[in-house]
Amino acid sequence: MTANAKEGITMAVMHPPDLIILDLGLPDQDGQDVLLKLREWYLGPIIILSVRNFEDEIVKALDNGATESGIGYRFVGKSV
């Protein structure tokens, strides 16, 4: 786990993981841009997690090469 995009990309290059879980809301770079950079060479699965809950963000992430998206998932239950 890393704190920002730069560290994450560097770590992924140095030690390619079996799976990447990528947050779109990184402090130093947009996660969509990071996804595109990773997809230039990384062939493994990339799962996107984010609080962004816009359909266009989900579609963009999947179009950019995300394997799966957990964007804006909410569990809504009935109060008992």
PDB file of N, CA and C in Angstrom:
ATOM      1  N   MET A   1       0.847  -1.167   0.000  1.00  0.00           N
ATOM      2  CA  MET A   1       0.000   0.000   0.000  1.00  0.00           C
ATOM      3  C   MET A   1       0.898   1.238   0.000  1.00  0.00           C
ATOM      4  N   THR A   2       0.498   2.227  -0.787  1.00  0.00           N
ATOM      5  CA  THR A   2       1.260   3.464  -0.852  1.00  0.00           C
ATOM      6  C   THR A   2       0.349   4.655  -0.586  1.00  0.00           C
ATOM      7  N   ALA A   3       0.958   5.802  -0.334  1.00  0.00           N
ATOM      8  CA  ALA A   3       0.197   6.997   0.031  1.00  0.00           C
ATOM      9  C   ALA A   3      -0.197   7.866  -1.155  1.00  0.00           C
ATOM     10  N   ASN A   4       0.459   7.654  -2.301  1.00  0.00           N
ATOM     11  CA  ASN A   4       0.137   8.507  -3.446  1.00  0.00           C
ATOM     12  C   ASN A   4       0.437   7.785  -4.761  1.00  0.00           C
ATOM     13  N   ALA A   5       0.112   8.427  -5.871  1.00  0.00           N
ATOM     14  CA  ALA A   5       0.258   7.828  -7.192  1.00  0.00           C
ATOM     15  C   ALA A   5       1.708   7.533  -7.534  1.00  0.00           C
ATOM     16  N   LYS A   6       2.578   8.479  -7.279  1.00  0.00           N
ATOM     17  CA  LYS A   6       3.990   8.311  -7.631  1.00  0.00           C
ATOM     18  C   LYS A   6       4.583   7.087  -6.934  1.00  0.00           C
ATOM     19  N   GLU A   7       4.341   6.967  -5.635  1.00  0.00           N
ATOM     20  CA  GLU A   7       4.843   5.813  -4.888  1.00  0.00           C
ATOM     21  C   GLU A   7       4.227   4.512  -5.404  1.00  0.00           C
ATOM     22  N   GLY A   8       2.948   4.555  -5.709  1.00  0.00           N
ATOM     23  CA  GLY A   8       2.248   3.355  -6.177  1.00  0.00           C
ATOM     24  C   GLY A   8       2.767   2.860  -7.512  1.00  0.00           C
ATOM     25  N   ILE A   9       2.971   3.777  -8.448  1.00  0.00           N
ATOM     26  CA  ILE A   9       3.493   3.389  -9.756  1.00  0.00           C
ATOM     27  C   ILE A   9       4.906   2.835  -9.616  1.00  0.00           C
ATOM     28  N   THR A  10       5.731   3.509  -8.820  1.00  0.00           N
ATOM     29  CA  THR A  10       7.105   3.049  -8.597  1.00  0.00           C
ATOM     30  C   THR A  10       7.125   1.646  -7.995  1.00  0.00           C
ATOM     31  N   MET A  11       6.291   1.418  -6.986  1.00  0.00           N
ATOM     32  CA  MET A  11       6.248   0.107  -6.348  1.00  0.00           C
ATOM     33  C   MET A  11       5.759  -0.967  -7.318  1.00  0.00           C
ATOM     34  N   ALA A  12       4.747  -0.638  -8.124  1.00  0.00           N
ATOM     35  CA  ALA A  12       4.219  -1.603  -9.083  1.00  0.00           C
ATOM     36  C   ALA A  12       5.260  -1.978 -10.137  1.00  0.00           C
ATOM     37  N   VAL A  13       6.085  -1.009 -10.535  1.00  0.00           N
ATOM     38  CA  VAL A  13       7.146  -1.287 -11.511  1.00  0.00           C
ATOM     39  C   VAL A  13       8.227  -2.167 -10.887  1.00  0.00           C
ATOM     40  N   MET A  14       8.614  -1.842  -9.666  1.00  0.00           N
ATOM     41  CA  MET A  14       9.706  -2.563  -9.007  1.00  0.00           C
ATOM     42  C   MET A  14       9.301  -3.956  -8.538  1.00  0.00           C
ATOM     43  N   HIS A  15       8.055  -4.100  -8.119  1.00  0.00           N
ATOM     44  CA  HIS A  15       7.541  -5.365  -7.594  1.00  0.00           C
ATOM     45  C   HIS A  15       6.134  -5.601  -8.163  1.00  0.00           C
ATOM     46  N   PRO A  16       6.035  -6.038  -9.426  1.00  0.00           N
ATOM     47  CA  PRO A  16       4.715  -6.195 -10.044  1.00  0.00           C
ATOM     48  C   PRO A  16       3.781  -7.083  -9.209  1.00  0.00           C
ATOM     49  N   PRO A  17       2.652  -6.539  -8.819  1.00  0.00           N
ATOM     50  CA  PRO A  17       1.712  -7.304  -7.983  1.00  0.00           C
ATOM     51  C   PRO A  17       0.817  -8.211  -8.829  1.00  0.00           C
ATOM     52  N   ASP A  18       0.150  -9.129  -8.157  1.00  0.00           N
ATOM     53  CA  ASP A  18      -0.827  -9.981  -8.841  1.00  0.00           C
ATOM     54  C   ASP A  18      -2.123  -9.235  -9.107  1.00  0.00           C
ATOM     55  N   LEU A  19      -2.371  -8.198  -8.316  1.00  0.00           N
ATOM     56  CA  LEU A  19      -3.619  -7.435  -8.376  1.00  0.00           C
ATOM     57  C   LEU A  19      -3.341  -6.021  -7.885  1.00  0.00           C
ATOM     58  N   ILE A  20      -3.979  -5.038  -8.506  1.00  0.00           N
ATOM     59  CA  ILE A  20      -3.873  -3.652  -8.037  1.00  0.00           C
ATOM     60  C   ILE A  20      -5.266  -3.172  -7.653  1.00  0.00           C
ATOM     61  N   ILE A  21      -5.376  -2.596  -6.458  1.00  0.00           N
ATOM     62  CA  ILE A  21      -6.595  -1.916  -6.041  1.00  0.00           C
ATOM     63  C   ILE A  21      -6.266  -0.434  -6.065  1.00  0.00           C
ATOM     64  N   LEU A  22      -6.963   0.296  -6.909  1.00  0.00           N
ATOM     65  CA  LEU A  22      -6.632   1.696  -7.169  1.00  0.00           C
ATOM     66  C   LEU A  22      -7.778   2.611  -6.752  1.00  0.00           C
ATOM     67  N   ASP A  23      -7.467   3.599  -5.929  1.00  0.00           N
ATOM     68  CA  ASP A  23      -8.433   4.627  -5.544  1.00  0.00           C
ATOM     69  C   ASP A  23      -8.332   5.761  -6.560  1.00  0.00           C
ATOM     70  N   LEU A  24      -9.442   6.247  -7.048  1.00  0.00           N
ATOM     71  CA  LEU A  24      -9.419   7.347  -8.014  1.00  0.00           C
ATOM     72  C   LEU A  24      -9.070   8.676  -7.354  1.00  0.00           C
ATOM     73  N   GLY A  25      -9.294   8.798  -6.058  1.00  0.00           N
ATOM     74  CA  GLY A  25      -9.066  10.062  -5.358  1.00  0.00           C
ATOM     75  C   GLY A  25      -7.709  10.131  -4.690  1.00  0.00           C
ATOM     76  N   LEU A  26      -6.656  10.131  -5.483  1.00  0.00           N
ATOM     77  CA  LEU A  26      -5.302  10.205  -4.940  1.00  0.00           C
ATOM     78  C   LEU A  26      -4.905  11.658  -4.691  1.00  0.00           C
ATOM     79  N   PRO A  27      -4.003  11.903  -3.733  1.00  0.00           N
ATOM     80  CA  PRO A  27      -3.660  13.284  -3.387  1.00  0.00           C
ATOM     81  C   PRO A  27      -2.782  13.998  -4.423  1.00  0.00           C
ATOM     82  N   ASP A  28      -2.032  13.250  -5.220  1.00  0.00           N
ATOM     83  CA  ASP A  28      -1.079  13.891  -6.124  1.00  0.00           C
ATOM     84  C   ASP A  28      -1.415  13.763  -7.610  1.00  0.00           C
ATOM     85  N   GLN A  29      -2.368  12.909  -7.946  1.00  0.00           N
ATOM     86  CA  GLN A  29      -2.697  12.702  -9.355  1.00  0.00           C
ATOM     87  C   GLN A  29      -4.070  12.038  -9.453  1.00  0.00           C
ATOM     88  N   ASP A  30      -4.789  12.308 -10.517  1.00  0.00           N
ATOM     89  CA  ASP A  30      -6.096  11.692 -10.714  1.00  0.00           C
ATOM     90  C   ASP A  30      -5.929  10.199 -10.966  1.00  0.00           C
ATOM     91  N   GLY A  31      -6.736   9.402 -10.304  1.00  0.00           N
ATOM     92  CA  GLY A  31      -6.661   7.952 -10.447  1.00  0.00           C
ATOM     93  C   GLY A  31      -6.904   7.467 -11.866  1.00  0.00           C
ATOM     94  N   GLN A  32      -7.713   8.180 -12.638  1.00  0.00           N
ATOM     95  CA  GLN A  32      -7.947   7.797 -14.039  1.00  0.00           C
ATOM     96  C   GLN A  32      -6.638   7.885 -14.832  1.00  0.00           C
ATOM     97  N   ASP A  33      -5.831   8.910 -14.563  1.00  0.00           N
ATOM     98  CA  ASP A  33      -4.538   9.051 -15.243  1.00  0.00           C
ATOM     99  C   ASP A  33      -3.577   7.941 -14.828  1.00  0.00           C
ATOM    100  N   VAL A  34      -3.606   7.586 -13.561  1.00  0.00           N
ATOM    101  CA  VAL A  34      -2.766   6.502 -13.064  1.00  0.00           C
ATOM    102  C   VAL A  34      -3.171   5.188 -13.728  1.00  0.00           C
ATOM    103  N   LEU A  35      -4.459   4.965 -13.853  1.00  0.00           N
ATOM    104  CA  LEU A  35      -4.965   3.759 -14.508  1.00  0.00           C
ATOM    105  C   LEU A  35      -4.427   3.657 -15.931  1.00  0.00           C
ATOM    106  N   LEU A  36      -4.471   4.751 -16.672  1.00  0.00           N
ATOM    107  CA  LEU A  36      -3.947   4.743 -18.045  1.00  0.00           C
ATOM    108  C   LEU A  36      -2.446   4.435 -18.069  1.00  0.00           C
ATOM    109  N   LYS A  37      -1.691   5.020 -17.147  1.00  0.00           N
ATOM    110  CA  LYS A  37      -0.247   4.752 -17.085  1.00  0.00           C
ATOM    111  C   LYS A  37       0.029   3.288 -16.777  1.00  0.00           C
ATOM    112  N   LEU A  38      -0.718   2.742 -15.813  1.00  0.00           N
ATOM    113  CA  LEU A  38      -0.523   1.334 -15.462  1.00  0.00           C
ATOM    114  C   LEU A  38      -0.853   0.419 -16.633  1.00  0.00           C
ATOM    115  N   ARG A  39      -1.891   0.746 -17.369  1.00  0.00           N
ATOM    116  CA  ARG A  39      -2.320  -0.105 -18.478  1.00  0.00           C
ATOM    117  C   ARG A  39      -1.356  -0.071 -19.669  1.00  0.00           C
ATOM    118  N   GLU A  40      -0.388   0.825 -19.644  1.00  0.00           N
ATOM    119  CA  GLU A  40       0.633   0.828 -20.693  1.00  0.00           C
ATOM    120  C   GLU A  40       1.503  -0.424 -20.612  1.00  0.00           C
ATOM    121  N   TRP A  41       1.593  -1.042 -19.427  1.00  0.00           N
ATOM    122  CA  TRP A  41       2.460  -2.207 -19.270  1.00  0.00           C
ATOM    123  C   TRP A  41       1.909  -3.290 -18.358  1.00  0.00           C
ATOM    124  N   TYR A  42       1.035  -2.928 -17.425  1.00  0.00           N
ATOM    125  CA  TYR A  42       0.531  -3.894 -16.446  1.00  0.00           C
ATOM    126  C   TYR A  42      -0.671  -4.646 -17.021  1.00  0.00           C
ATOM    127  N   LEU A  43      -0.582  -5.985 -17.072  1.00  0.00           N
ATOM    128  CA  LEU A  43      -1.635  -6.799 -17.665  1.00  0.00           C
ATOM    129  C   LEU A  43      -2.551  -7.463 -16.641  1.00  0.00           C
ATOM    130  N   GLY A  44      -2.210  -7.347 -15.364  1.00  0.00           N
ATOM    131  CA  GLY A  44      -3.012  -7.972 -14.318  1.00  0.00           C
ATOM    132  C   GLY A  44      -4.291  -7.195 -14.033  1.00  0.00           C
ATOM    133  N   PRO A  45      -5.124  -7.746 -13.166  1.00  0.00           N
ATOM    134  CA  PRO A  45      -6.377  -7.068 -12.823  1.00  0.00           C
ATOM    135  C   PRO A  45      -6.163  -5.786 -12.008  1.00  0.00           C
ATOM    136  N   ILE A  46      -6.964  -4.779 -12.325  1.00  0.00           N
ATOM    137  CA  ILE A  46      -6.973  -3.523 -11.575  1.00  0.00           C
ATOM    138  C   ILE A  46      -8.405  -3.264 -11.138  1.00  0.00           C
ATOM    139  N   ILE A  47      -8.608  -3.236  -9.851  1.00  0.00           N
ATOM    140  CA  ILE A  47      -9.929  -2.976  -9.289  1.00  0.00           C
ATOM    141  C   ILE A  47      -9.955  -1.535  -8.804  1.00  0.00           C
ATOM    142  N   ILE A  48     -10.973  -0.811  -9.217  1.00  0.00           N
ATOM    143  CA  ILE A  48     -11.132   0.590  -8.847  1.00  0.00           C
ATOM    144  C   ILE A  48     -12.066   0.694  -7.648  1.00  0.00           C
ATOM    145  N   LEU A  49     -11.626   1.403  -6.631  1.00  0.00           N
ATOM    146  CA  LEU A  49     -12.465   1.716  -5.475  1.00  0.00           C
ATOM    147  C   LEU A  49     -12.478   3.224  -5.302  1.00  0.00           C
ATOM    148  N   SER A  50     -13.642   3.781  -5.106  1.00  0.00           N
ATOM    149  CA  SER A  50     -13.727   5.222  -4.943  1.00  0.00           C
ATOM    150  C   SER A  50     -15.092   5.604  -4.390  1.00  0.00           C
ATOM    151  N   VAL A  51     -15.151   6.795  -3.827  1.00  0.00           N
ATOM    152  CA  VAL A  51     -16.435   7.312  -3.374  1.00  0.00           C
ATOM    153  C   VAL A  51     -17.131   8.102  -4.480  1.00  0.00           C
ATOM    154  N   ARG A  52     -16.422   8.322  -5.589  1.00  0.00           N
ATOM    155  CA  ARG A  52     -17.059   8.993  -6.723  1.00  0.00           C
ATOM    156  C   ARG A  52     -18.213   8.129  -7.196  1.00  0.00           C
ATOM    157  N   ASN A  53     -19.366   8.726  -7.320  1.00  0.00           N
ATOM    158  CA  ASN A  53     -20.559   7.955  -7.644  1.00  0.00           C
ATOM    159  C   ASN A  53     -21.217   8.502  -8.904  1.00  0.00           C
ATOM    160  N   PHE A  54     -20.440   8.724  -9.920  1.00  0.00           N
ATOM    161  CA  PHE A  54     -20.961   9.235 -11.168  1.00  0.00           C
ATOM    162  C   PHE A  54     -20.807   8.168 -12.236  1.00  0.00           C
ATOM    163  N   GLU A  55     -21.869   7.900 -12.961  1.00  0.00           N
ATOM    164  CA  GLU A  55     -21.844   6.848 -13.977  1.00  0.00           C
ATOM    165  C   GLU A  55     -20.729   7.071 -14.991  1.00  0.00           C
ATOM    166  N   ASP A  56     -20.495   8.332 -15.368  1.00  0.00           N
ATOM    167  CA  ASP A  56     -19.439   8.592 -16.348  1.00  0.00           C
ATOM    168  C   ASP A  56     -18.054   8.226 -15.808  1.00  0.00           C
ATOM    169  N   GLU A  57     -17.828   8.355 -14.501  1.00  0.00           N
ATOM    170  CA  GLU A  57     -16.559   7.950 -13.897  1.00  0.00           C
ATOM    171  C   GLU A  57     -16.394   6.434 -13.959  1.00  0.00           C
ATOM    172  N   ILE A  58     -17.475   5.706 -13.719  1.00  0.00           N
ATOM    173  CA  ILE A  58     -17.440   4.250 -13.782  1.00  0.00           C
ATOM    174  C   ILE A  58     -17.127   3.801 -15.202  1.00  0.00           C
ATOM    175  N   VAL A  59     -17.853   4.348 -16.166  1.00  0.00           N
ATOM    176  CA  VAL A  59     -17.644   3.990 -17.570  1.00  0.00           C
ATOM    177  C   VAL A  59     -16.224   4.343 -18.002  1.00  0.00           C
ATOM    178  N   LYS A  60     -15.753   5.526 -17.618  1.00  0.00           N
ATOM    179  CA  LYS A  60     -14.403   5.955 -17.986  1.00  0.00           C
ATOM    180  C   LYS A  60     -13.356   4.997 -17.412  1.00  0.00           C
ATOM    181  N   ALA A  61     -13.502   4.613 -16.147  1.00  0.00           N
ATOM    182  CA  ALA A  61     -12.553   3.688 -15.530  1.00  0.00           C
ATOM    183  C   ALA A  61     -12.545   2.346 -16.249  1.00  0.00           C
ATOM    184  N   LEU A  62     -13.708   1.833 -16.583  1.00  0.00           N
ATOM    185  CA  LEU A  62     -13.773   0.557 -17.294  1.00  0.00           C
ATOM    186  C   LEU A  62     -13.203   0.688 -18.700  1.00  0.00           C
ATOM    187  N   ASP A  63     -13.496   1.793 -19.372  1.00  0.00           N
ATOM    188  CA  ASP A  63     -12.922   2.045 -20.698  1.00  0.00           C
ATOM    189  C   ASP A  63     -11.404   2.192 -20.637  1.00  0.00           C
ATOM    190  N   ASN A  64     -10.889   2.723 -19.537  1.00  0.00           N
ATOM    191  CA  ASN A  64      -9.451   2.927 -19.376  1.00  0.00           C
ATOM    192  C   ASN A  64      -8.722   1.661 -18.948  1.00  0.00           C
ATOM    193  N   GLY A  65      -9.450   0.577 -18.763  1.00  0.00           N
ATOM    194  CA  GLY A  65      -8.794  -0.693 -18.478  1.00  0.00           C
ATOM    195  C   GLY A  65      -9.027  -1.286 -17.108  1.00  0.00           C
ATOM    196  N   ALA A  66      -9.897  -0.688 -16.318  1.00  0.00           N
ATOM    197  CA  ALA A  66     -10.197  -1.280 -15.014  1.00  0.00           C
ATOM    198  C   ALA A  66     -10.856  -2.642 -15.218  1.00  0.00           C
ATOM    199  N   THR A  67     -10.511  -3.573 -14.350  1.00  0.00           N
ATOM    200  CA  THR A  67     -11.083  -4.909 -14.416  1.00  0.00           C
ATOM    201  C   THR A  67     -12.465  -4.917 -13.778  1.00  0.00           C
ATOM    202  N   GLU A  68     -12.594  -4.166 -12.707  1.00  0.00           N
ATOM    203  CA  GLU A  68     -13.841  -4.121 -11.938  1.00  0.00           C
ATOM    204  C   GLU A  68     -13.915  -2.775 -11.251  1.00  0.00           C
ATOM    205  N   SER A  69     -15.118  -2.381 -10.900  1.00  0.00           N
ATOM    206  CA  SER A  69     -15.301  -1.102 -10.242  1.00  0.00           C
ATOM    207  C   SER A  69     -16.159  -1.255  -8.999  1.00  0.00           C
ATOM    208  N   GLY A  70     -15.701  -0.654  -7.909  1.00  0.00           N
ATOM    209  CA  GLY A  70     -16.482  -0.602  -6.685  1.00  0.00           C
ATOM    210  C   GLY A  70     -16.875   0.833  -6.402  1.00  0.00           C
ATOM    211  N   ILE A  71     -17.053   1.596  -7.449  1.00  0.00           N
ATOM    212  CA  ILE A  71     -17.329   3.023  -7.314  1.00  0.00           C
ATOM    213  C   ILE A  71     -18.745   3.226  -6.792  1.00  0.00           C
ATOM    214  N   GLY A  72     -18.847   3.920  -5.683  1.00  0.00           N
ATOM    215  CA  GLY A  72     -20.131   4.334  -5.163  1.00  0.00           C
ATOM    216  C   GLY A  72     -21.046   3.220  -4.693  1.00  0.00           C
ATOM    217  N   TYR A  73     -20.497   2.024  -4.456  1.00  0.00           N
ATOM    218  CA  TYR A  73     -21.359   0.971  -3.946  1.00  0.00           C
ATOM    219  C   TYR A  73     -21.885   1.375  -2.578  1.00  0.00           C
ATOM    220  N   ARG A  74     -23.166   1.182  -2.402  1.00  0.00           N
ATOM    221  CA  ARG A  74     -23.772   1.490  -1.110  1.00  0.00           C
ATOM    222  C   ARG A  74     -24.655   0.316  -0.712  1.00  0.00           C
ATOM    223  N   PHE A  75     -24.601  -0.027   0.540  1.00  0.00           N
ATOM    224  CA  PHE A  75     -25.480  -1.051   1.057  1.00  0.00           C
ATOM    225  C   PHE A  75     -26.601  -0.339   1.799  1.00  0.00           C
ATOM    226  N   VAL A  76     -27.780  -0.505   1.266  1.00  0.00           N
ATOM    227  CA  VAL A  76     -28.931   0.153   1.852  1.00  0.00           C
ATOM    228  C   VAL A  76     -29.815  -0.930   2.458  1.00  0.00           C
ATOM    229  N   GLY A  77     -30.046  -0.819   3.736  1.00  0.00           N
ATOM    230  CA  GLY A  77     -30.861  -1.812   4.420  1.00  0.00           C
ATOM    231  C   GLY A  77     -32.096  -1.194   5.023  1.00  0.00           C
ATOM    232  N   LYS A  78     -33.025  -2.029   5.281  1.00  0.00           N
ATOM    233  CA  LYS A  78     -34.265  -1.582   5.912  1.00  0.00           C
ATOM    234  C   LYS A  78     -34.066  -1.580   7.424  1.00  0.00           C
ATOM    235  N   SER A  79     -34.437  -0.486   8.042  1.00  0.00           N
ATOM    236  CA  SER A  79     -34.324  -0.416   9.510  1.00  0.00           C
ATOM    237  C   SER A  79     -35.283  -1.392  10.149  1.00  0.00           C
ATOM    238  N   VAL A  80     -34.805  -2.021  11.189  1.00  0.00           N
ATOM    239  CA  VAL A  80     -35.649  -2.998  11.879  1.00  0.00           C
ATOM    240  C   VAL A  80     -35.987  -2.477  13.246  1.00  0.00           C
TER     241      VAL A  80
END
